[in-house]
Amino acid sequence: MTERRANPRMRALKGAKIFLPGHRSTVDCQVRNVSPAGAKLTLVSTVSVPDRFDLKLDQSDDLQPCQVAWRSLTEMGVRFARATDSQ
């Protein structure tokens, strides 16, 4: 299989939270691999997640805006969005 990503991803197993729009609800997930441009997330439950959300890694206070690139029932690939990207 040919790698199509511009930035190779490093394996990871980190806890994280998806902050849904409005930040009133969160969804637990795990980061399975990560690069400066994006990550693969495994969802703990099959909750519906919108195409854009903020991600907070455990052990961090920073929220990372994300855009879903692909998804399956329990996994998704996300691109890290910049603050200047349009919603």
PDB file of N, CA and C in Angstrom:
ATOM      1  N   MET A   1       0.846  -1.185   0.000  1.00  0.00           N
ATOM      2  CA  MET A   1       0.000   0.000   0.000  1.00  0.00           C
ATOM      3  C   MET A   1       0.883   1.236   0.000  1.00  0.00           C
ATOM      4  N   THR A   2       0.578   2.185  -0.844  1.00  0.00           N
ATOM      5  CA  THR A   2       1.345   3.408  -0.969  1.00  0.00           C
ATOM      6  C   THR A   2       0.846   4.451   0.030  1.00  0.00           C
ATOM      7  N   GLU A   3       1.786   5.067   0.717  1.00  0.00           N
ATOM      8  CA  GLU A   3       1.466   6.141   1.666  1.00  0.00           C
ATOM      9  C   GLU A   3       1.101   7.399   0.883  1.00  0.00           C
ATOM     10  N   ARG A   4      -0.091   7.942   1.117  1.00  0.00           N
ATOM     11  CA  ARG A   4      -0.545   9.132   0.399  1.00  0.00           C
ATOM     12  C   ARG A   4      -0.459  10.400   1.232  1.00  0.00           C
ATOM     13  N   ARG A   5      -0.132  10.290   2.488  1.00  0.00           N
ATOM     14  CA  ARG A   5      -0.081  11.477   3.349  1.00  0.00           C
ATOM     15  C   ARG A   5       1.196  12.273   3.097  1.00  0.00           C
ATOM     16  N   ALA A   6       1.096  13.587   3.180  1.00  0.00           N
ATOM     17  CA  ALA A   6       2.259  14.456   3.041  1.00  0.00           C
ATOM     18  C   ALA A   6       3.168  14.339   4.265  1.00  0.00           C
ATOM     19  N   ASN A   7       2.567  14.097   5.434  1.00  0.00           N
ATOM     20  CA  ASN A   7       3.320  13.944   6.684  1.00  0.00           C
ATOM     21  C   ASN A   7       3.073  12.553   7.255  1.00  0.00           C
ATOM     22  N   PRO A   8       4.096  11.703   7.349  1.00  0.00           N
ATOM     23  CA  PRO A   8       3.895  10.380   7.945  1.00  0.00           C
ATOM     24  C   PRO A   8       3.388  10.508   9.383  1.00  0.00           C
ATOM     25  N   ARG A   9       2.557   9.570   9.775  1.00  0.00           N
ATOM     26  CA  ARG A   9       2.001   9.605  11.134  1.00  0.00           C
ATOM     27  C   ARG A   9       2.773   8.674  12.047  1.00  0.00           C
ATOM     28  N   MET A  10       2.894   9.084  13.299  1.00  0.00           N
ATOM     29  CA  MET A  10       3.553   8.291  14.332  1.00  0.00           C
ATOM     30  C   MET A  10       2.486   7.551  15.126  1.00  0.00           C
ATOM     31  N   ARG A  11       2.730   6.294  15.429  1.00  0.00           N
ATOM     32  CA  ARG A  11       1.783   5.535  16.254  1.00  0.00           C
ATOM     33  C   ARG A  11       1.621   6.196  17.614  1.00  0.00           C
ATOM     34  N   ALA A  12       0.418   6.106  18.131  1.00  0.00           N
ATOM     35  CA  ALA A  12       0.121   6.706  19.430  1.00  0.00           C
ATOM     36  C   ALA A  12      -1.008   5.922  20.086  1.00  0.00           C
ATOM     37  N   LEU A  13      -1.129   6.054  21.367  1.00  0.00           N
ATOM     38  CA  LEU A  13      -2.268   5.523  22.114  1.00  0.00           C
ATOM     39  C   LEU A  13      -2.510   6.503  23.260  1.00  0.00           C
ATOM     40  N   LYS A  14      -3.228   7.580  22.924  1.00  0.00           N
ATOM     41  CA  LYS A  14      -3.483   8.653  23.875  1.00  0.00           C
ATOM     42  C   LYS A  14      -4.972   8.864  24.025  1.00  0.00           C
ATOM     43  N   GLY A  15      -5.396   9.126  25.223  1.00  0.00           N
ATOM     44  CA  GLY A  15      -6.786   9.482  25.453  1.00  0.00           C
ATOM     45  C   GLY A  15      -7.045  10.906  24.992  1.00  0.00           C
ATOM     46  N   ALA A  16      -8.267  11.156  24.540  1.00  0.00           N
ATOM     47  CA  ALA A  16      -8.636  12.496  24.081  1.00  0.00           C
ATOM     48  C   ALA A  16     -10.141  12.674  24.214  1.00  0.00           C
ATOM     49  N   LYS A  17     -10.580  13.914  24.061  1.00  0.00           N
ATOM     50  CA  LYS A  17     -12.010  14.233  24.080  1.00  0.00           C
ATOM     51  C   LYS A  17     -12.338  15.069  22.860  1.00  0.00           C
ATOM     52  N   ILE A  18     -13.439  14.717  22.217  1.00  0.00           N
ATOM     53  CA  ILE A  18     -13.990  15.497  21.128  1.00  0.00           C
ATOM     54  C   ILE A  18     -14.999  16.460  21.750  1.00  0.00           C
ATOM     55  N   PHE A  19     -14.802  17.751  21.525  1.00  0.00           N
ATOM     56  CA  PHE A  19     -15.744  18.760  22.003  1.00  0.00           C
ATOM     57  C   PHE A  19     -16.690  19.080  20.862  1.00  0.00           C
ATOM     58  N   LEU A  20     -17.949  18.752  21.032  1.00  0.00           N
ATOM     59  CA  LEU A  20     -18.950  19.020  20.008  1.00  0.00           C
ATOM     60  C   LEU A  20     -19.208  20.523  19.922  1.00  0.00           C
ATOM     61  N   PRO A  21     -19.747  21.015  18.803  1.00  0.00           N
ATOM     62  CA  PRO A  21     -19.991  22.454  18.664  1.00  0.00           C
ATOM     63  C   PRO A  21     -20.743  23.018  19.872  1.00  0.00           C
ATOM     64  N   GLY A  22     -20.302  24.159  20.324  1.00  0.00           N
ATOM     65  CA  GLY A  22     -20.879  24.780  21.513  1.00  0.00           C
ATOM     66  C   GLY A  22     -20.198  24.330  22.785  1.00  0.00           C
ATOM     67  N   HIS A  23     -19.405  23.273  22.714  1.00  0.00           N
ATOM     68  CA  HIS A  23     -18.645  22.721  23.834  1.00  0.00           C
ATOM     69  C   HIS A  23     -19.523  22.325  25.020  1.00  0.00           C
ATOM     70  N   ARG A  24     -20.784  21.989  24.749  1.00  0.00           N
ATOM     71  CA  ARG A  24     -21.685  21.544  25.820  1.00  0.00           C
ATOM     72  C   ARG A  24     -21.579  20.050  26.063  1.00  0.00           C
ATOM     73  N   SER A  25     -21.083  19.311  25.054  1.00  0.00           N
ATOM     74  CA  SER A  25     -20.957  17.851  25.159  1.00  0.00           C
ATOM     75  C   SER A  25     -19.592  17.420  24.662  1.00  0.00           C
ATOM     76  N   THR A  26     -19.123  16.296  25.205  1.00  0.00           N
ATOM     77  CA  THR A  26     -17.861  15.714  24.759  1.00  0.00           C
ATOM     78  C   THR A  26     -18.058  14.245  24.442  1.00  0.00           C
ATOM     79  N   VAL A  27     -17.149  13.716  23.626  1.00  0.00           N
ATOM     80  CA  VAL A  27     -17.128  12.297  23.273  1.00  0.00           C
ATOM     81  C   VAL A  27     -15.710  11.799  23.540  1.00  0.00           C
ATOM     82  N   ASP A  28     -15.577  10.734  24.322  1.00  0.00           N
ATOM     83  CA  ASP A  28     -14.262  10.159  24.581  1.00  0.00           C
ATOM     84  C   ASP A  28     -13.752   9.434  23.347  1.00  0.00           C
ATOM     85  N   CYS A  29     -12.445   9.520  23.117  1.00  0.00           N
ATOM     86  CA  CYS A  29     -11.828   8.820  21.995  1.00  0.00           C
ATOM     87  C   CYS A  29     -10.376   8.532  22.330  1.00  0.00           C
ATOM     88  N   GLN A  30      -9.723   7.780  21.444  1.00  0.00           N
ATOM     89  CA  GLN A  30      -8.300   7.517  21.561  1.00  0.00           C
ATOM     90  C   GLN A  30      -7.623   7.955  20.275  1.00  0.00           C
ATOM     91  N   VAL A  31      -6.454   8.561  20.403  1.00  0.00           N
ATOM     92  CA  VAL A  31      -5.633   8.913  19.251  1.00  0.00           C
ATOM     93  C   VAL A  31      -4.751   7.711  18.964  1.00  0.00           C
ATOM     94  N   ARG A  32      -4.889   7.137  17.765  1.00  0.00           N
ATOM     95  CA  ARG A  32      -4.142   5.925  17.397  1.00  0.00           C
ATOM     96  C   ARG A  32      -2.875   6.237  16.627  1.00  0.00           C
ATOM     97  N   ASN A  33      -2.877   7.312  15.840  1.00  0.00           N
ATOM     98  CA  ASN A  33      -1.657   7.810  15.219  1.00  0.00           C
ATOM     99  C   ASN A  33      -1.834   9.298  14.983  1.00  0.00           C
ATOM    100  N   VAL A  34      -0.693   9.987  14.839  1.00  0.00           N
ATOM    101  CA  VAL A  34      -0.755  11.445  14.763  1.00  0.00           C
ATOM    102  C   VAL A  34       0.412  11.980  13.938  1.00  0.00           C
ATOM    103  N   SER A  35       0.181  13.102  13.273  1.00  0.00           N
ATOM    104  CA  SER A  35       1.211  13.849  12.557  1.00  0.00           C
ATOM    105  C   SER A  35       0.927  15.323  12.792  1.00  0.00           C
ATOM    106  N   PRO A  36       1.791  16.202  12.323  1.00  0.00           N
ATOM    107  CA  PRO A  36       1.491  17.630  12.465  1.00  0.00           C
ATOM    108  C   PRO A  36       0.217  18.048  11.717  1.00  0.00           C
ATOM    109  N   ALA A  37      -0.193  17.251  10.714  1.00  0.00           N
ATOM    110  CA  ALA A  37      -1.342  17.629   9.889  1.00  0.00           C
ATOM    111  C   ALA A  37      -2.652  16.951  10.280  1.00  0.00           C
ATOM    112  N   GLY A  38      -2.605  15.845  11.041  1.00  0.00           N
ATOM    113  CA  GLY A  38      -3.842  15.144  11.352  1.00  0.00           C
ATOM    114  C   GLY A  38      -3.637  13.946  12.247  1.00  0.00           C
ATOM    115  N   ALA A  39      -4.719  13.161  12.414  1.00  0.00           N
ATOM    116  CA  ALA A  39      -4.674  12.012  13.321  1.00  0.00           C
ATOM    117  C   ALA A  39      -5.754  11.000  12.959  1.00  0.00           C
ATOM    118  N   LYS A  40      -5.580   9.791  13.465  1.00  0.00           N
ATOM    119  CA  LYS A  40      -6.612   8.760  13.388  1.00  0.00           C
ATOM    120  C   LYS A  40      -7.174   8.600  14.794  1.00  0.00           C
ATOM    121  N   LEU A  41      -8.493   8.697  14.909  1.00  0.00           N
ATOM    122  CA  LEU A  41      -9.171   8.584  16.199  1.00  0.00           C
ATOM    123  C   LEU A  41     -10.014   7.324  16.234  1.00  0.00           C
ATOM    124  N   THR A  42     -10.029   6.660  17.373  1.00  0.00           N
ATOM    125  CA  THR A  42     -10.923   5.540  17.621  1.00  0.00           C
ATOM    126  C   THR A  42     -11.945   6.002  18.644  1.00  0.00           C
ATOM    127  N   LEU A  43     -13.223   5.880  18.292  1.00  0.00           N
ATOM    128  CA  LEU A  43     -14.292   6.313  19.190  1.00  0.00           C
ATOM    129  C   LEU A  43     -14.615   5.210  20.183  1.00  0.00           C
ATOM    130  N   VAL A  44     -14.860   5.609  21.415  1.00  0.00           N
ATOM    131  CA  VAL A  44     -15.216   4.665  22.469  1.00  0.00           C
ATOM    132  C   VAL A  44     -16.658   4.195  22.293  1.00  0.00           C
ATOM    133  N   SER A  45     -17.500   5.056  21.727  1.00  0.00           N
ATOM    134  CA  SER A  45     -18.898   4.706  21.473  1.00  0.00           C
ATOM    135  C   SER A  45     -19.237   5.074  20.029  1.00  0.00           C
ATOM    136  N   THR A  46     -20.410   4.711  19.581  1.00  0.00           N
ATOM    137  CA  THR A  46     -20.815   5.002  18.200  1.00  0.00           C
ATOM    138  C   THR A  46     -21.679   6.257  18.118  1.00  0.00           C
ATOM    139  N   VAL A  47     -21.332   7.260  18.907  1.00  0.00           N
ATOM    140  CA  VAL A  47     -22.036   8.538  18.914  1.00  0.00           C
ATOM    141  C   VAL A  47     -21.770   9.266  17.590  1.00  0.00           C
ATOM    142  N   SER A  48     -22.770   9.939  17.083  1.00  0.00           N
ATOM    143  CA  SER A  48     -22.613  10.722  15.864  1.00  0.00           C
ATOM    144  C   SER A  48     -21.748  11.953  16.151  1.00  0.00           C
ATOM    145  N   VAL A  49     -20.717  12.138  15.346  1.00  0.00           N
ATOM    146  CA  VAL A  49     -19.804  13.264  15.506  1.00  0.00           C
ATOM    147  C   VAL A  49     -19.872  14.110  14.231  1.00  0.00           C
ATOM    148  N   PRO A  50     -20.006  15.440  14.349  1.00  0.00           N
ATOM    149  CA  PRO A  50     -20.080  16.294  13.162  1.00  0.00           C
ATOM    150  C   PRO A  50     -18.748  16.341  12.410  1.00  0.00           C
ATOM    151  N   ASP A  51     -18.748  16.939  11.225  1.00  0.00           N
ATOM    152  CA  ASP A  51     -17.549  17.009  10.398  1.00  0.00           C
ATOM    153  C   ASP A  51     -16.488  17.962  10.946  1.00  0.00           C
ATOM    154  N   ARG A  52     -16.890  18.891  11.783  1.00  0.00           N
ATOM    155  CA  ARG A  52     -15.940  19.816  12.424  1.00  0.00           C
ATOM    156  C   ARG A  52     -16.166  19.808  13.931  1.00  0.00           C
ATOM    157  N   PHE A  53     -15.062  19.777  14.656  1.00  0.00           N
ATOM    158  CA  PHE A  53     -15.122  19.770  16.117  1.00  0.00           C
ATOM    159  C   PHE A  53     -13.759  20.160  16.657  1.00  0.00           C
ATOM    160  N   ASP A  54     -13.673  20.348  17.965  1.00  0.00           N
ATOM    161  CA  ASP A  54     -12.403  20.611  18.638  1.00  0.00           C
ATOM    162  C   ASP A  54     -11.979  19.353  19.378  1.00  0.00           C
ATOM    163  N   LEU A  55     -10.671  19.088  19.368  1.00  0.00           N
ATOM    164  CA  LEU A  55     -10.102  17.901  20.010  1.00  0.00           C
ATOM    165  C   LEU A  55      -9.173  18.348  21.123  1.00  0.00           C
ATOM    166  N   LYS A  56      -9.293  17.703  22.285  1.00  0.00           N
ATOM    167  CA  LYS A  56      -8.409  17.987  23.416  1.00  0.00           C
ATOM    168  C   LYS A  56      -7.742  16.691  23.837  1.00  0.00           C
ATOM    169  N   LEU A  57      -6.426  16.652  23.722  1.00  0.00           N
ATOM    170  CA  LEU A  57      -5.678  15.487  24.188  1.00  0.00           C
ATOM    171  C   LEU A  57      -5.612  15.506  25.707  1.00  0.00           C
ATOM    172  N   ASP A  58      -5.699  14.308  26.322  1.00  0.00           N
ATOM    173  CA  ASP A  58      -5.485  14.226  27.761  1.00  0.00           C
ATOM    174  C   ASP A  58      -4.087  14.785  28.047  1.00  0.00           C
ATOM    175  N   GLN A  59      -3.893  15.383  29.182  1.00  0.00           N
ATOM    176  CA  GLN A  59      -2.620  15.991  29.574  1.00  0.00           C
ATOM    177  C   GLN A  59      -2.374  17.328  28.887  1.00  0.00           C
ATOM    178  N   SER A  60      -3.329  17.865  28.148  1.00  0.00           N
ATOM    179  CA  SER A  60      -3.152  19.146  27.450  1.00  0.00           C
ATOM    180  C   SER A  60      -4.341  20.047  27.742  1.00  0.00           C
ATOM    181  N   ASP A  61      -4.090  21.331  27.743  1.00  0.00           N
ATOM    182  CA  ASP A  61      -5.173  22.305  27.923  1.00  0.00           C
ATOM    183  C   ASP A  61      -5.616  22.903  26.597  1.00  0.00           C
ATOM    184  N   ASP A  62      -4.886  22.584  25.520  1.00  0.00           N
ATOM    185  CA  ASP A  62      -5.164  23.168  24.212  1.00  0.00           C
ATOM    186  C   ASP A  62      -6.256  22.417  23.468  1.00  0.00           C
ATOM    187  N   LEU A  63      -7.113  23.159  22.778  1.00  0.00           N
ATOM    188  CA  LEU A  63      -8.117  22.587  21.891  1.00  0.00           C
ATOM    189  C   LEU A  63      -7.628  22.720  20.456  1.00  0.00           C
ATOM    190  N   GLN A  64      -7.694  21.624  19.705  1.00  0.00           N
ATOM    191  CA  GLN A  64      -7.249  21.600  18.315  1.00  0.00           C
ATOM    192  C   GLN A  64      -8.460  21.506  17.400  1.00  0.00           C
ATOM    193  N   PRO A  65      -8.738  22.529  16.574  1.00  0.00           N
ATOM    194  CA  PRO A  65      -9.846  22.426  15.617  1.00  0.00           C
ATOM    195  C   PRO A  65      -9.552  21.314  14.605  1.00  0.00           C
ATOM    196  N   CYS A  66     -10.572  20.488  14.303  1.00  0.00           N
ATOM    197  CA  CYS A  66     -10.409  19.346  13.401  1.00  0.00           C
ATOM    198  C   CYS A  66     -11.494  19.327  12.335  1.00  0.00           C
ATOM    199  N   GLN A  67     -11.142  18.750  11.184  1.00  0.00           N
ATOM    200  CA  GLN A  67     -12.057  18.501  10.070  1.00  0.00           C
ATOM    201  C   GLN A  67     -11.962  17.013   9.753  1.00  0.00           C
ATOM    202  N   VAL A  68     -13.098  16.313   9.709  1.00  0.00           N
ATOM    203  CA  VAL A  68     -13.102  14.883   9.398  1.00  0.00           C
ATOM    204  C   VAL A  68     -12.729  14.685   7.936  1.00  0.00           C
ATOM    205  N   ALA A  69     -11.745  13.787   7.696  1.00  0.00           N
ATOM    206  CA  ALA A  69     -11.319  13.442   6.335  1.00  0.00           C
ATOM    207  C   ALA A  69     -11.993  12.165   5.866  1.00  0.00           C
ATOM    208  N   TRP A  70     -12.178  11.210   6.778  1.00  0.00           N
ATOM    209  CA  TRP A  70     -12.862   9.955   6.485  1.00  0.00           C
ATOM    210  C   TRP A  70     -13.398   9.403   7.796  1.00  0.00           C
ATOM    211  N   ARG A  71     -14.349   8.492   7.693  1.00  0.00           N
ATOM    212  CA  ARG A  71     -14.895   7.882   8.920  1.00  0.00           C
ATOM    213  C   ARG A  71     -15.456   6.502   8.639  1.00  0.00           C
ATOM    214  N   SER A  72     -15.449   5.677   9.676  1.00  0.00           N
ATOM    215  CA  SER A  72     -16.149   4.396   9.693  1.00  0.00           C
ATOM    216  C   SER A  72     -16.987   4.402  10.971  1.00  0.00           C
ATOM    217  N   LEU A  73     -17.550   3.280  11.333  1.00  0.00           N
ATOM    218  CA  LEU A  73     -18.436   3.243  12.506  1.00  0.00           C
ATOM    219  C   LEU A  73     -17.715   3.653  13.796  1.00  0.00           C
ATOM    220  N   THR A  74     -16.481   3.199  13.993  1.00  0.00           N
ATOM    221  CA  THR A  74     -15.785   3.467  15.251  1.00  0.00           C
ATOM    222  C   THR A  74     -14.442   4.181  15.076  1.00  0.00           C
ATOM    223  N   GLU A  75     -14.092   4.572  13.847  1.00  0.00           N
ATOM    224  CA  GLU A  75     -12.827   5.260  13.623  1.00  0.00           C
ATOM    225  C   GLU A  75     -13.038   6.438  12.685  1.00  0.00           C
ATOM    226  N   MET A  76     -12.114   7.398  12.762  1.00  0.00           N
ATOM    227  CA  MET A  76     -12.138   8.510  11.808  1.00  0.00           C
ATOM    228  C   MET A  76     -10.743   9.084  11.669  1.00  0.00           C
ATOM    229  N   GLY A  77     -10.481   9.603  10.483  1.00  0.00           N
ATOM    230  CA  GLY A  77      -9.263  10.347  10.237  1.00  0.00           C
ATOM    231  C   GLY A  77      -9.614  11.817  10.206  1.00  0.00           C
ATOM    232  N   VAL A  78      -8.792  12.634  10.854  1.00  0.00           N
ATOM    233  CA  VAL A  78      -9.058  14.062  10.904  1.00  0.00           C
ATOM    234  C   VAL A  78      -7.850  14.856  10.437  1.00  0.00           C
ATOM    235  N   ARG A  79      -8.139  16.003   9.830  1.00  0.00           N
ATOM    236  CA  ARG A  79      -7.119  16.987   9.500  1.00  0.00           C
ATOM    237  C   ARG A  79      -7.191  18.067  10.560  1.00  0.00           C
ATOM    238  N   PHE A  80      -6.038  18.504  11.021  1.00  0.00           N
ATOM    239  CA  PHE A  80      -6.026  19.617  11.958  1.00  0.00           C
ATOM    240  C   PHE A  80      -6.255  20.901  11.176  1.00  0.00           C
ATOM    241  N   ALA A  81      -7.301  21.620  11.544  1.00  0.00           N
ATOM    242  CA  ALA A  81      -7.661  22.871  10.870  1.00  0.00           C
ATOM    243  C   ALA A  81      -6.893  24.024  11.513  1.00  0.00           C
ATOM    244  N   ARG A  82      -6.682  25.040  10.743  1.00  0.00           N
ATOM    245  CA  ARG A  82      -6.064  26.259  11.265  1.00  0.00           C
ATOM    246  C   ARG A  82      -7.193  27.193  11.699  1.00  0.00           C
ATOM    247  N   ALA A  83      -6.877  28.080  12.601  1.00  0.00           N
ATOM    248  CA  ALA A  83      -7.881  29.022  13.099  1.00  0.00           C
ATOM    249  C   ALA A  83      -8.452  29.888  11.973  1.00  0.00           C
ATOM    250  N   THR A  84      -7.689  30.058  10.897  1.00  0.00           N
ATOM    251  CA  THR A  84      -8.147  30.896   9.803  1.00  0.00           C
ATOM    252  C   THR A  84      -9.019  30.136   8.810  1.00  0.00           C
ATOM    253  N   ASP A  85      -9.119  28.794   8.933  1.00  0.00           N
ATOM    254  CA  ASP A  85      -9.976  28.011   8.024  1.00  0.00           C
ATOM    255  C   ASP A  85     -11.416  28.392   8.242  1.00  0.00           C
ATOM    256  N   SER A  86     -12.182  28.493   7.164  1.00  0.00           N
ATOM    257  CA  SER A  86     -13.589  28.867   7.292  1.00  0.00           C
ATOM    258  C   SER A  86     -14.406  27.700   7.808  1.00  0.00           C
ATOM    259  N   GLN A  87     -15.432  27.996   8.559  1.00  0.00           N
ATOM    260  CA  GLN A  87     -16.302  26.976   9.109  1.00  0.00           C
ATOM    261  C   GLN A  87     -17.347  26.707   8.105  1.00  0.00           C
TER     262      GLN A  87
END
